[in-house]
Structures are given as C-alpha cells and as structure tokens.
Amino acid sequence: MRSTRYEITVRGRLSETLVPAFDGLTTAPAGADTVIRGIADQAALYGVLDRVESLGLELLAVRRTAPAR
C-alpha cells in the first residue's frame, strides 16, 4: 500500500508528556491547537487516530497533503 503524508489537528497544545506518544511523527503548535504531521500508510493512519482517541484528545481535522516521495 502506498504511503501518504498526513496532517492531523487536535484541540489544544500537547504537553511534553504526550509528544512521545507520536514518535516518528512531528508535532507543532498551530495557534491554540497542535498539528501532528508524518508519512503513514492507511493502517498507520488508523493507528494514530486510535492513539488520539485513547489519549482523550479532540480530533479537529485530518488532511492528506502532498504524496510522499
């Protein structure tokens, strides 16, 4: 399956304790929220979304960006 680059926006800023939960992805503040970026196949994307839910984070958006090279 082909890998794609995704941006996942969650409400609020991730604490230093939560950032390691998204190892292999980058996290960056975006105003009052946080954007999690990285390359994932569809199965990995579902895993990240499951992690967002299990951590009690509010999902605001999932956006596919330019294809991974």
N, C-alpha and C. Protein backbone atom coordinates (compact mmCIF):
# COMPACT_ATOMS: atom_id res chain seq x y z
N MET A 1 0.84 -1.18 0.00
CA MET A 1 0.00 0.00 0.00
C MET A 1 0.89 1.25 0.00
N ARG A 2 0.46 2.27 -0.69
CA ARG A 2 1.24 3.48 -0.86
C ARG A 2 1.19 4.38 0.38
N SER A 3 2.32 4.98 0.72
CA SER A 3 2.38 5.90 1.85
C SER A 3 1.96 7.29 1.41
N THR A 4 1.34 8.01 2.31
CA THR A 4 0.87 9.36 2.06
C THR A 4 1.23 10.23 3.26
N ARG A 5 1.38 11.51 3.01
CA ARG A 5 1.67 12.45 4.09
C ARG A 5 0.35 13.00 4.63
N TYR A 6 0.23 13.00 5.96
CA TYR A 6 -1.00 13.47 6.62
C TYR A 6 -0.69 14.56 7.63
N GLU A 7 -1.67 15.42 7.83
CA GLU A 7 -1.67 16.40 8.92
C GLU A 7 -2.92 16.14 9.75
N ILE A 8 -2.73 15.93 11.03
CA ILE A 8 -3.82 15.66 11.95
C ILE A 8 -3.83 16.78 12.98
N THR A 9 -4.94 17.48 13.09
CA THR A 9 -5.04 18.60 14.03
C THR A 9 -5.88 18.17 15.21
N VAL A 10 -5.34 18.43 16.41
CA VAL A 10 -6.07 18.15 17.65
C VAL A 10 -6.21 19.44 18.45
N ARG A 11 -7.26 19.51 19.25
CA ARG A 11 -7.51 20.71 20.06
C ARG A 11 -6.49 20.80 21.19
N GLY A 12 -5.99 21.98 21.39
CA GLY A 12 -5.05 22.25 22.47
C GLY A 12 -3.61 21.93 22.09
N ARG A 13 -2.73 22.27 22.99
CA ARG A 13 -1.31 22.00 22.78
C ARG A 13 -0.92 20.75 23.52
N LEU A 14 -0.15 19.89 22.86
CA LEU A 14 0.31 18.66 23.51
C LEU A 14 1.36 18.98 24.55
N SER A 15 1.24 18.35 25.70
CA SER A 15 2.25 18.52 26.74
C SER A 15 3.50 17.72 26.37
N GLU A 16 4.59 18.00 27.02
CA GLU A 16 5.84 17.27 26.79
C GLU A 16 5.67 15.79 27.09
N THR A 17 4.74 15.45 27.95
CA THR A 17 4.47 14.05 28.29
C THR A 17 3.79 13.32 27.14
N LEU A 18 2.94 14.01 26.37
CA LEU A 18 2.19 13.38 25.29
C LEU A 18 2.95 13.31 23.97
N VAL A 19 3.89 14.20 23.74
CA VAL A 19 4.62 14.23 22.47
C VAL A 19 5.25 12.87 22.13
N PRO A 20 5.88 12.16 23.07
CA PRO A 20 6.47 10.86 22.73
C PRO A 20 5.46 9.81 22.26
N ALA A 21 4.19 10.00 22.54
CA ALA A 21 3.17 9.06 22.07
C ALA A 21 3.06 9.07 20.55
N PHE A 22 3.59 10.11 19.93
CA PHE A 22 3.55 10.24 18.48
C PHE A 22 4.95 10.15 17.89
N ASP A 23 5.75 9.25 18.44
CA ASP A 23 7.11 9.02 17.99
C ASP A 23 7.12 8.71 16.49
N GLY A 24 8.04 9.32 15.77
CA GLY A 24 8.13 9.11 14.33
C GLY A 24 7.33 10.13 13.55
N LEU A 25 6.52 10.92 14.24
CA LEU A 25 5.76 11.99 13.62
C LEU A 25 6.24 13.31 14.21
N THR A 26 5.99 14.39 13.52
CA THR A 26 6.35 15.69 14.08
C THR A 26 5.10 16.35 14.64
N THR A 27 5.29 17.08 15.71
CA THR A 27 4.19 17.84 16.31
C THR A 27 4.58 19.31 16.34
N ALA A 28 3.62 20.17 16.07
CA ALA A 28 3.89 21.60 16.07
C ALA A 28 2.65 22.35 16.51
N PRO A 29 2.84 23.39 17.32
CA PRO A 29 1.69 24.21 17.70
C PRO A 29 1.14 24.94 16.48
N ALA A 30 -0.17 25.10 16.45
CA ALA A 30 -0.85 25.86 15.39
C ALA A 30 -1.91 26.69 16.09
N GLY A 31 -1.52 27.89 16.52
CA GLY A 31 -2.42 28.70 17.33
C GLY A 31 -2.59 28.01 18.68
N ALA A 32 -3.82 27.78 19.08
CA ALA A 32 -4.08 27.12 20.36
C ALA A 32 -4.12 25.60 20.22
N ASP A 33 -3.96 25.09 19.00
CA ASP A 33 -4.07 23.66 18.74
C ASP A 33 -2.70 23.07 18.37
N THR A 34 -2.70 21.77 18.05
CA THR A 34 -1.47 21.08 17.67
C THR A 34 -1.69 20.34 16.36
N VAL A 35 -0.70 20.42 15.47
CA VAL A 35 -0.73 19.66 14.22
C VAL A 35 0.30 18.56 14.33
N ILE A 36 -0.13 17.34 14.02
CA ILE A 36 0.74 16.16 14.01
C ILE A 36 0.94 15.81 12.54
N ARG A 37 2.19 15.77 12.09
CA ARG A 37 2.48 15.53 10.67
C ARG A 37 3.36 14.30 10.51
N GLY A 38 3.15 13.62 9.40
CA GLY A 38 4.02 12.50 9.11
C GLY A 38 3.54 11.70 7.92
N ILE A 39 4.32 10.70 7.61
CA ILE A 39 4.02 9.82 6.49
C ILE A 39 3.48 8.52 7.06
N ALA A 40 2.38 8.07 6.50
CA ALA A 40 1.78 6.84 7.00
C ALA A 40 1.00 6.16 5.89
N ASP A 41 0.96 4.84 5.95
CA ASP A 41 0.01 4.16 5.09
C ASP A 41 -1.34 4.20 5.82
N GLN A 42 -2.35 3.66 5.20
CA GLN A 42 -3.68 3.78 5.78
C GLN A 42 -3.78 3.09 7.14
N ALA A 43 -3.15 1.94 7.30
CA ALA A 43 -3.19 1.23 8.58
C ALA A 43 -2.53 2.05 9.67
N ALA A 44 -1.39 2.68 9.37
CA ALA A 44 -0.69 3.51 10.35
C ALA A 44 -1.53 4.74 10.71
N LEU A 45 -2.22 5.31 9.72
CA LEU A 45 -3.09 6.45 9.99
C LEU A 45 -4.16 6.06 11.00
N TYR A 46 -4.79 4.91 10.80
CA TYR A 46 -5.80 4.46 11.75
C TYR A 46 -5.21 4.25 13.14
N GLY A 47 -3.96 3.79 13.20
CA GLY A 47 -3.29 3.62 14.48
C GLY A 47 -3.09 4.96 15.19
N VAL A 48 -2.69 5.98 14.43
CA VAL A 48 -2.50 7.31 15.02
C VAL A 48 -3.84 7.86 15.50
N LEU A 49 -4.88 7.68 14.70
CA LEU A 49 -6.20 8.17 15.10
C LEU A 49 -6.70 7.44 16.34
N ASP A 50 -6.40 6.16 16.45
CA ASP A 50 -6.75 5.40 17.66
C ASP A 50 -6.00 5.94 18.87
N ARG A 51 -4.73 6.29 18.68
CA ARG A 51 -3.93 6.86 19.77
C ARG A 51 -4.51 8.20 20.21
N VAL A 52 -4.90 9.04 19.25
CA VAL A 52 -5.53 10.32 19.57
C VAL A 52 -6.75 10.09 20.46
N GLU A 53 -7.58 9.13 20.06
CA GLU A 53 -8.79 8.84 20.84
C GLU A 53 -8.45 8.29 22.22
N SER A 54 -7.50 7.35 22.30
CA SER A 54 -7.17 6.73 23.59
C SER A 54 -6.55 7.73 24.56
N LEU A 55 -5.92 8.78 24.04
CA LEU A 55 -5.34 9.81 24.90
C LEU A 55 -6.37 10.86 25.30
N GLY A 56 -7.58 10.74 24.77
CA GLY A 56 -8.64 11.68 25.12
C GLY A 56 -8.50 13.02 24.42
N LEU A 57 -7.78 13.05 23.29
CA LEU A 57 -7.61 14.30 22.55
C LEU A 57 -8.79 14.51 21.62
N GLU A 58 -9.15 15.76 21.41
CA GLU A 58 -10.25 16.08 20.50
C GLU A 58 -9.70 16.26 19.09
N LEU A 59 -10.15 15.41 18.18
CA LEU A 59 -9.73 15.47 16.79
C LEU A 59 -10.47 16.59 16.08
N LEU A 60 -9.72 17.49 15.46
CA LEU A 60 -10.34 18.60 14.74
C LEU A 60 -10.32 18.39 13.24
N ALA A 61 -9.22 17.80 12.72
CA ALA A 61 -9.11 17.63 11.26
C ALA A 61 -8.07 16.58 10.92
N VAL A 62 -8.31 15.91 9.80
CA VAL A 62 -7.33 15.03 9.18
C VAL A 62 -7.23 15.46 7.74
N ARG A 63 -6.02 15.75 7.30
CA ARG A 63 -5.85 16.27 5.94
C ARG A 63 -4.72 15.54 5.27
N ARG A 64 -4.98 15.05 4.07
CA ARG A 64 -3.91 14.44 3.26
C ARG A 64 -3.22 15.55 2.51
N THR A 65 -1.89 15.56 2.56
CA THR A 65 -1.12 16.60 1.88
C THR A 65 -0.39 15.95 0.70
N ALA A 66 0.63 16.60 0.20
CA ALA A 66 1.36 16.10 -0.97
C ALA A 66 1.82 14.67 -0.76
N PRO A 67 1.74 13.85 -1.80
CA PRO A 67 2.17 12.45 -1.67
C PRO A 67 3.63 12.33 -1.25
N ALA A 68 3.92 11.29 -0.48
CA ALA A 68 5.29 11.02 -0.05
C ALA A 68 6.11 10.61 -1.27
N ARG A 69 7.37 10.99 -1.28
CA ARG A 69 8.26 10.61 -2.39
C ARG A 69 9.14 9.47 -1.99
